[in-house]
PDB file of all heavy atoms in Angstrom:
ATOM      1  N   ALA A   1       0.949   8.540 -44.058  1.00  0.00           N
ATOM      2  CA  ALA A   1       1.205   7.918 -45.457  1.00  0.00           C
ATOM      3  C   ALA A   1       0.316   6.710 -45.685  1.00  0.00           C
ATOM      4  O   ALA A   1       0.062   5.931 -44.800  1.00  0.00           O
ATOM      5  CB  ALA A   1       2.672   7.552 -45.636  1.00  0.00           C
ATOM      6  N   LEU A   2      -0.174   6.603 -46.915  1.00  0.00           N
ATOM      7  CA  LEU A   2      -0.972   5.428 -47.251  1.00  0.00           C
ATOM      8  C   LEU A   2      -0.157   4.105 -47.146  1.00  0.00           C
ATOM      9  O   LEU A   2       1.003   4.076 -47.498  1.00  0.00           O
ATOM     10  CB  LEU A   2      -1.466   5.513 -48.661  1.00  0.00           C
ATOM     11  CG  LEU A   2      -2.521   6.650 -48.984  1.00  0.00           C
ATOM     12  CD1 LEU A   2      -2.846   6.687 -50.447  1.00  0.00           C
ATOM     13  CD2 LEU A   2      -3.775   6.494 -48.081  1.00  0.00           C
ATOM     14  N   SER A   3      -0.822   3.082 -46.635  1.00  0.00           N
ATOM     15  CA  SER A   3      -0.159   1.876 -46.326  1.00  0.00           C
ATOM     16  C   SER A   3      -1.130   0.670 -46.716  1.00  0.00           C
ATOM     17  O   SER A   3      -2.270   0.923 -47.184  1.00  0.00           O
ATOM     18  CB  SER A   3       0.311   1.705 -44.983  1.00  0.00           C
ATOM     19  OG  SER A   3      -0.777   1.671 -44.084  1.00  0.00           O
ATOM     20  N   SER A   4      -0.790  -0.489 -46.438  1.00  0.00           N
ATOM     21  CA  SER A   4      -1.558  -1.620 -46.607  1.00  0.00           C
ATOM     22  C   SER A   4      -2.839  -1.608 -45.648  1.00  0.00           C
ATOM     23  O   SER A   4      -3.752  -2.352 -45.863  1.00  0.00           O
ATOM     24  CB  SER A   4      -0.814  -2.870 -46.387  1.00  0.00           C
ATOM     25  OG  SER A   4      -0.332  -3.001 -45.017  1.00  0.00           O
ATOM     26  N   ASN A   5      -2.831  -0.752 -44.693  1.00  0.00           N
ATOM     27  CA  ASN A   5      -4.032  -0.550 -43.919  1.00  0.00           C
ATOM     28  C   ASN A   5      -5.169   0.052 -44.695  1.00  0.00           C
ATOM     29  O   ASN A   5      -6.391  -0.160 -44.383  1.00  0.00           O
ATOM     30  CB  ASN A   5      -3.781   0.324 -42.632  1.00  0.00           C
ATOM     31  CG  ASN A   5      -2.896  -0.337 -41.741  1.00  0.00           C
ATOM     32  OD1 ASN A   5      -2.818  -1.592 -41.567  1.00  0.00           O
ATOM     33  ND2 ASN A   5      -1.980   0.463 -40.983  1.00  0.00           N
ATOM     34  N   GLN A   6      -4.815   0.804 -45.706  1.00  0.00           N
ATOM     35  CA  GLN A   6      -5.842   1.480 -46.491  1.00  0.00           C
ATOM     36  C   GLN A   6      -5.926   0.779 -47.961  1.00  0.00           C
ATOM     37  O   GLN A   6      -7.017   0.674 -48.462  1.00  0.00           O
ATOM     38  CB  GLN A   6      -5.571   3.002 -46.764  1.00  0.00           C
ATOM     39  CG  GLN A   6      -5.653   3.793 -45.465  1.00  0.00           C
ATOM     40  CD  GLN A   6      -4.406   3.652 -44.704  1.00  0.00           C
ATOM     41  OE1 GLN A   6      -3.274   3.684 -45.175  1.00  0.00           O
ATOM     42  NE2 GLN A   6      -4.564   3.645 -43.410  1.00  0.00           N
ATOM     43  N   LEU A   7      -4.783   0.398 -48.509  1.00  0.00           N
ATOM     44  CA  LEU A   7      -4.689  -0.176 -49.795  1.00  0.00           C
ATOM     45  C   LEU A   7      -4.708  -1.702 -49.584  1.00  0.00           C
ATOM     46  O   LEU A   7      -3.614  -2.347 -49.647  1.00  0.00           O
ATOM     47  CB  LEU A   7      -3.463   0.287 -50.533  1.00  0.00           C
ATOM     48  CG  LEU A   7      -3.351   1.851 -50.631  1.00  0.00           C
ATOM     49  CD1 LEU A   7      -2.138   2.235 -51.330  1.00  0.00           C
ATOM     50  CD2 LEU A   7      -4.597   2.447 -51.283  1.00  0.00           C
ATOM     51  N   ASN A   8      -5.922  -2.297 -49.414  1.00  0.00           N
ATOM     52  CA  ASN A   8      -5.941  -3.691 -48.993  1.00  0.00           C
ATOM     53  C   ASN A   8      -7.059  -4.432 -49.733  1.00  0.00           C
ATOM     54  O   ASN A   8      -7.821  -5.218 -49.157  1.00  0.00           O
ATOM     55  CB  ASN A   8      -6.152  -3.818 -47.467  1.00  0.00           C
ATOM     56  CG  ASN A   8      -7.348  -2.992 -47.032  1.00  0.00           C
ATOM     57  OD1 ASN A   8      -8.031  -2.298 -47.778  1.00  0.00           O
ATOM     58  ND2 ASN A   8      -7.702  -3.112 -45.673  1.00  0.00           N
ATOM     59  N   VAL A   9      -7.227  -4.182 -51.005  1.00  0.00           N
ATOM     60  CA  VAL A   9      -8.244  -4.857 -51.785  1.00  0.00           C
ATOM     61  C   VAL A   9      -7.966  -6.335 -51.902  1.00  0.00           C
ATOM     62  O   VAL A   9      -6.767  -6.816 -51.949  1.00  0.00           O
ATOM     63  CB  VAL A   9      -8.356  -4.238 -53.200  1.00  0.00           C
ATOM     64  CG1 VAL A   9      -7.140  -4.591 -54.070  1.00  0.00           C
ATOM     65  CG2 VAL A   9      -9.629  -4.666 -53.886  1.00  0.00           C
ATOM     66  N   THR A  10      -8.986  -7.159 -51.920  1.00  0.00           N
ATOM     67  CA  THR A  10      -8.867  -8.611 -52.078  1.00  0.00           C
ATOM     68  C   THR A  10      -9.749  -9.023 -53.270  1.00  0.00           C
ATOM     69  O   THR A  10     -10.667  -8.333 -53.608  1.00  0.00           O
ATOM     70  CB  THR A  10      -9.246  -9.358 -50.890  1.00  0.00           C
ATOM     71  OG1 THR A  10     -10.619  -9.083 -50.520  1.00  0.00           O
ATOM     72  CG2 THR A  10      -8.309  -9.070 -49.658  1.00  0.00           C
ATOM     73  N   ALA A  11      -9.361 -10.173 -53.894  1.00  0.00           N
ATOM     74  CA  ALA A  11     -10.175 -10.649 -54.979  1.00  0.00           C
ATOM     75  C   ALA A  11     -10.381 -12.122 -54.869  1.00  0.00           C
ATOM     76  O   ALA A  11      -9.685 -12.767 -54.117  1.00  0.00           O
ATOM     77  CB  ALA A  11      -9.414 -10.321 -56.353  1.00  0.00           C
ATOM     78  N   ASN A  12     -11.318 -12.617 -55.665  1.00  0.00           N
ATOM     79  CA  ASN A  12     -11.652 -14.042 -55.603  1.00  0.00           C
ATOM     80  C   ASN A  12     -10.780 -14.917 -56.494  1.00  0.00           C
ATOM     81  O   ASN A  12     -10.979 -16.102 -56.601  1.00  0.00           O
ATOM     82  CB  ASN A  12     -13.125 -14.258 -55.887  1.00  0.00           C
ATOM     83  CG  ASN A  12     -13.532 -13.827 -57.319  1.00  0.00           C
ATOM     84  OD1 ASN A  12     -12.833 -12.960 -57.895  1.00  0.00           O
ATOM     85  ND2 ASN A  12     -14.609 -14.408 -57.862  1.00  0.00           N
ATOM     86  N   VAL A  13      -9.874 -14.225 -57.191  1.00  0.00           N
ATOM     87  CA  VAL A  13      -8.918 -14.904 -58.063  1.00  0.00           C
ATOM     88  C   VAL A  13      -7.541 -14.349 -57.853  1.00  0.00           C
ATOM     89  O   VAL A  13      -7.407 -13.233 -57.403  1.00  0.00           O
ATOM     90  CB  VAL A  13      -9.258 -14.911 -59.559  1.00  0.00           C
ATOM     91  CG1 VAL A  13     -10.591 -15.622 -59.795  1.00  0.00           C
ATOM     92  CG2 VAL A  13      -9.339 -13.459 -60.075  1.00  0.00           C
ATOM     93  N   PRO A  14      -6.497 -15.094 -58.090  1.00  0.00           N
ATOM     94  CA  PRO A  14      -5.168 -14.501 -58.029  1.00  0.00           C
ATOM     95  C   PRO A  14      -4.928 -13.363 -58.988  1.00  0.00           C
ATOM     96  O   PRO A  14      -5.521 -13.345 -60.125  1.00  0.00           O
ATOM     97  CB  PRO A  14      -4.192 -15.687 -58.283  1.00  0.00           C
ATOM     98  CG  PRO A  14      -5.050 -16.937 -58.112  1.00  0.00           C
ATOM     99  CD  PRO A  14      -6.447 -16.505 -58.466  1.00  0.00           C
ATOM    100  N   GLY A  15      -4.079 -12.359 -58.614  1.00  0.00           N
ATOM    101  CA  GLY A  15      -3.855 -11.299 -59.471  1.00  0.00           C
ATOM    102  C   GLY A  15      -3.056 -10.226 -58.735  1.00  0.00           C
ATOM    103  O   GLY A  15      -2.616 -10.408 -57.662  1.00  0.00           O
ATOM    104  N   THR A  16      -2.813  -9.074 -59.486  1.00  0.00           N
ATOM    105  CA  THR A  16      -1.996  -8.001 -58.916  1.00  0.00           C
ATOM    106  C   THR A  16      -2.808  -6.669 -58.919  1.00  0.00           C
ATOM    107  O   THR A  16      -3.274  -6.260 -60.018  1.00  0.00           O
ATOM    108  CB  THR A  16      -0.743  -7.788 -59.811  1.00  0.00           C
ATOM    109  OG1 THR A  16      -0.029  -9.058 -59.810  1.00  0.00           O
ATOM    110  CG2 THR A  16       0.211  -6.710 -59.188  1.00  0.00           C
ATOM    111  N   PRO A  17      -2.953  -6.042 -57.776  1.00  0.00           N
ATOM    112  CA  PRO A  17      -3.549  -4.679 -57.743  1.00  0.00           C
ATOM    113  C   PRO A  17      -2.527  -3.618 -57.977  1.00  0.00           C
ATOM    114  O   PRO A  17      -1.377  -3.672 -57.404  1.00  0.00           O
ATOM    115  CB  PRO A  17      -4.192  -4.643 -56.355  1.00  0.00           C
ATOM    116  CG  PRO A  17      -3.197  -5.478 -55.498  1.00  0.00           C
ATOM    117  CD  PRO A  17      -2.723  -6.534 -56.415  1.00  0.00           C
ATOM    118  N   ALA A  18      -2.990  -2.618 -58.663  1.00  0.00           N
ATOM    119  CA  ALA A  18      -2.163  -1.403 -58.884  1.00  0.00           C
ATOM    120  C   ALA A  18      -3.005  -0.168 -58.319  1.00  0.00           C
ATOM    121  O   ALA A  18      -4.027   0.113 -58.876  1.00  0.00           O
ATOM    122  CB  ALA A  18      -1.831  -1.179 -60.284  1.00  0.00           C
ATOM    123  N   TYR A  19      -2.504   0.406 -57.258  1.00  0.00           N
ATOM    124  CA  TYR A  19      -3.296   1.513 -56.558  1.00  0.00           C
ATOM    125  C   TYR A  19      -2.890   2.847 -57.065  1.00  0.00           C
ATOM    126  O   TYR A  19      -1.767   3.140 -57.429  1.00  0.00           O
ATOM    127  CB  TYR A  19      -3.057   1.451 -55.088  1.00  0.00           C
ATOM    128  CG  TYR A  19      -3.537   0.090 -54.408  1.00  0.00           C
ATOM    129  CD1 TYR A  19      -2.673  -0.878 -54.167  1.00  0.00           C
ATOM    130  CD2 TYR A  19      -4.849  -0.003 -54.099  1.00  0.00           C
ATOM    131  CE1 TYR A  19      -3.094  -2.084 -53.584  1.00  0.00           C
ATOM    132  CE2 TYR A  19      -5.364  -1.234 -53.516  1.00  0.00           C
ATOM    133  CZ  TYR A  19      -4.412  -2.187 -53.236  1.00  0.00           C
ATOM    134  OH  TYR A  19      -4.900  -3.363 -52.676  1.00  0.00           O
ATOM    135  N   ALA A  20      -3.837   3.783 -56.963  1.00  0.00           N
ATOM    136  CA  ALA A  20      -3.590   5.202 -57.267  1.00  0.00           C
ATOM    137  C   ALA A  20      -4.438   6.030 -56.333  1.00  0.00           C
ATOM    138  O   ALA A  20      -5.642   5.858 -56.195  1.00  0.00           O
ATOM    139  CB  ALA A  20      -3.964   5.534 -58.728  1.00  0.00           C
ATOM    140  N   PRO A  21      -3.744   6.850 -55.489  1.00  0.00           N
ATOM    141  CA  PRO A  21      -2.384   7.062 -55.361  1.00  0.00           C
ATOM    142  C   PRO A  21      -1.701   5.765 -54.713  1.00  0.00           C
ATOM    143  O   PRO A  21      -2.351   5.043 -54.009  1.00  0.00           O
ATOM    144  CB  PRO A  21      -2.133   8.283 -54.552  1.00  0.00           C
ATOM    145  CG  PRO A  21      -3.413   8.438 -53.754  1.00  0.00           C
ATOM    146  CD  PRO A  21      -4.510   7.839 -54.642  1.00  0.00           C
ATOM    147  N   PRO A  22      -0.310   5.620 -54.906  1.00  0.00           N
ATOM    148  CA  PRO A  22       0.322   4.436 -54.401  1.00  0.00           C
ATOM    149  C   PRO A  22       0.602   4.492 -52.852  1.00  0.00           C
ATOM    150  O   PRO A  22       0.482   5.556 -52.278  1.00  0.00           O
ATOM    151  CB  PRO A  22       1.598   4.401 -55.239  1.00  0.00           C
ATOM    152  CG  PRO A  22       1.921   5.888 -55.504  1.00  0.00           C
ATOM    153  CD  PRO A  22       0.571   6.518 -55.711  1.00  0.00           C
ATOM    154  N   ILE A  23       1.069   3.335 -52.361  1.00  0.00           N
ATOM    155  CA  ILE A  23       1.535   3.297 -51.013  1.00  0.00           C
ATOM    156  C   ILE A  23       2.583   4.366 -50.742  1.00  0.00           C
ATOM    157  O   ILE A  23       3.506   4.568 -51.595  1.00  0.00           O
ATOM    158  CB  ILE A  23       2.068   1.837 -50.675  1.00  0.00           C
ATOM    159  CG1 ILE A  23       0.910   0.892 -50.527  1.00  0.00           C
ATOM    160  CG2 ILE A  23       2.913   1.852 -49.445  1.00  0.00           C
ATOM    161  CD1 ILE A  23       1.308  -0.498 -50.221  1.00  0.00           C
ATOM    162  N   GLY A  24       2.535   4.994 -49.557  1.00  0.00           N
ATOM    163  CA  GLY A  24       3.503   6.072 -49.204  1.00  0.00           C
ATOM    164  C   GLY A  24       3.030   7.414 -49.545  1.00  0.00           C
ATOM    165  O   GLY A  24       3.708   8.331 -49.070  1.00  0.00           O
ATOM    166  N   THR A  25       1.935   7.629 -50.237  1.00  0.00           N
ATOM    167  CA  THR A  25       1.403   8.890 -50.562  1.00  0.00           C
ATOM    168  C   THR A  25       0.744   9.599 -49.296  1.00  0.00           C
ATOM    169  O   THR A  25       0.102   8.819 -48.504  1.00  0.00           O
ATOM    170  CB  THR A  25       0.362   8.813 -51.652  1.00  0.00           C
ATOM    171  OG1 THR A  25       0.973   8.304 -52.868  1.00  0.00           O
ATOM    172  CG2 THR A  25      -0.180  10.240 -52.032  1.00  0.00           C
ATOM    173  N   VAL A  26       1.012  10.834 -49.152  1.00  0.00           N
ATOM    174  CA  VAL A  26       0.296  11.608 -48.069  1.00  0.00           C
ATOM    175  C   VAL A  26      -0.703  12.460 -48.693  1.00  0.00           C
ATOM    176  O   VAL A  26      -0.478  13.336 -49.473  1.00  0.00           O
ATOM    177  CB  VAL A  26       1.378  12.485 -47.354  1.00  0.00           C
ATOM    178  CG1 VAL A  26       0.632  13.406 -46.287  1.00  0.00           C
ATOM    179  CG2 VAL A  26       2.429  11.618 -46.647  1.00  0.00           C
ATOM    180  N   LEU A  27      -1.977  12.139 -48.344  1.00  0.00           N
ATOM    181  CA  LEU A  27      -3.127  12.842 -48.930  1.00  0.00           C
ATOM    182  C   LEU A  27      -3.424  14.130 -48.232  1.00  0.00           C
ATOM    183  O   LEU A  27      -3.090  14.321 -47.024  1.00  0.00           O
ATOM    184  CB  LEU A  27      -4.333  11.874 -48.870  1.00  0.00           C
ATOM    185  CG  LEU A  27      -4.261  10.545 -49.638  1.00  0.00           C
ATOM    186  CD1 LEU A  27      -5.467   9.767 -49.334  1.00  0.00           C
ATOM    187  CD2 LEU A  27      -4.063  10.824 -51.095  1.00  0.00           C
ATOM    188  N   ALA A  28      -4.091  15.088 -48.893  1.00  0.00           N
ATOM    189  CA  ALA A  28      -4.518  16.317 -48.308  1.00  0.00           C
ATOM    190  C   ALA A  28      -5.726  15.978 -47.398  1.00  0.00           C
ATOM    191  O   ALA A  28      -6.419  15.015 -47.659  1.00  0.00           O
ATOM    192  CB  ALA A  28      -4.904  17.341 -49.376  1.00  0.00           C
ATOM    193  N   ALA A  29      -5.858  16.965 -46.489  1.00  0.00           N
ATOM    194  CA  ALA A  29      -7.132  16.792 -45.613  1.00  0.00           C
ATOM    195  C   ALA A  29      -8.357  16.913 -46.447  1.00  0.00           C
ATOM    196  O   ALA A  29      -8.452  17.632 -47.411  1.00  0.00           O
ATOM    197  CB  ALA A  29      -7.061  17.783 -44.543  1.00  0.00           C
ATOM    198  N   GLY A  30      -9.371  16.164 -46.026  1.00  0.00           N
ATOM    199  CA  GLY A  30     -10.626  16.223 -46.757  1.00  0.00           C
ATOM    200  C   GLY A  30     -11.037  14.758 -47.144  1.00  0.00           C
ATOM    201  O   GLY A  30     -10.474  13.772 -46.689  1.00  0.00           O
ATOM    202  N   THR A  31     -12.043  14.636 -48.061  1.00  0.00           N
ATOM    203  CA  THR A  31     -12.432  13.368 -48.575  1.00  0.00           C
ATOM    204  C   THR A  31     -11.677  13.099 -49.841  1.00  0.00           C
ATOM    205  O   THR A  31     -11.806  13.822 -50.850  1.00  0.00           O
ATOM    206  CB  THR A  31     -14.013  13.299 -48.856  1.00  0.00           C
ATOM    207  OG1 THR A  31     -14.573  13.539 -47.534  1.00  0.00           O
ATOM    208  CG2 THR A  31     -14.432  11.965 -49.295  1.00  0.00           C
ATOM    209  N   ASN A  32     -10.940  11.974 -49.890  1.00  0.00           N
ATOM    210  CA  ASN A  32     -10.122  11.563 -51.071  1.00  0.00           C
ATOM    211  C   ASN A  32     -10.674  10.234 -51.661  1.00  0.00           C
ATOM    212  O   ASN A  32     -11.235   9.428 -50.977  1.00  0.00           O
ATOM    213  CB  ASN A  32      -8.676  11.468 -50.702  1.00  0.00           C
ATOM    214  CG  ASN A  32      -8.068  12.755 -50.211  1.00  0.00           C
ATOM    215  OD1 ASN A  32      -7.446  13.467 -50.963  1.00  0.00           O
ATOM    216  ND2 ASN A  32      -8.197  13.113 -48.960  1.00  0.00           N
ATOM    217  N   THR A  33     -10.366  10.088 -52.887  1.00  0.00           N
ATOM    218  CA  THR A  33     -10.717   8.875 -53.549  1.00  0.00           C
ATOM    219  C   THR A  33      -9.518   7.958 -53.887  1.00  0.00           C
ATOM    220  O   THR A  33      -8.532   8.475 -54.419  1.00  0.00           O
ATOM    221  CB  THR A  33     -11.454   9.172 -54.956  1.00  0.00           C
ATOM    222  OG1 THR A  33     -12.669   9.937 -54.693  1.00  0.00           O
ATOM    223  CG2 THR A  33     -11.830   7.867 -55.669  1.00  0.00           C
ATOM    224  N   LEU A  34      -9.608   6.723 -53.463  1.00  0.00           N
ATOM    225  CA  LEU A  34      -8.508   5.793 -53.814  1.00  0.00           C
ATOM    226  C   LEU A  34      -9.052   4.890 -54.954  1.00  0.00           C
ATOM    227  O   LEU A  34     -10.247   4.460 -54.885  1.00  0.00           O
ATOM    228  CB  LEU A  34      -8.277   4.906 -52.543  1.00  0.00           C
ATOM    229  CG  LEU A  34      -7.841   5.656 -51.251  1.00  0.00           C
ATOM    230  CD1 LEU A  34      -7.634   4.719 -50.139  1.00  0.00           C
ATOM    231  CD2 LEU A  34      -6.653   6.552 -51.462  1.00  0.00           C
ATOM    232  N   SER A  35      -8.243   4.558 -55.866  1.00  0.00           N
ATOM    233  CA  SER A  35      -8.667   3.637 -56.949  1.00  0.00           C
ATOM    234  C   SER A  35      -7.650   2.499 -57.117  1.00  0.00           C
ATOM    235  O   SER A  35      -6.451   2.614 -56.639  1.00  0.00           O
ATOM    236  CB  SER A  35      -8.782   4.410 -58.268  1.00  0.00           C
ATOM    237  OG  SER A  35      -7.495   4.944 -58.593  1.00  0.00           O
ATOM    238  N   VAL A  36      -8.176   1.477 -57.750  1.00  0.00           N
ATOM    239  CA  VAL A  36      -7.245   0.278 -57.996  1.00  0.00           C
ATOM    240  C   VAL A  36      -7.627  -0.337 -59.322  1.00  0.00           C
ATOM    241  O   VAL A  36      -8.787  -0.294 -59.779  1.00  0.00           O
ATOM    242  CB  VAL A  36      -7.459  -0.731 -56.858  1.00  0.00           C
ATOM    243  CG1 VAL A  36      -8.820  -1.306 -56.840  1.00  0.00           C
ATOM    244  CG2 VAL A  36      -6.410  -1.920 -57.014  1.00  0.00           C
TER     245      VAL A  36
END
């Protein structure tokens, strides 16, 4: 399952990231795209 090991974007200013797919998602095998 996706976790903070993969969904770990940082920014130079304070703020809130919203990931897609979200934490806990199990991706299919292959090359997948994560977005924020």
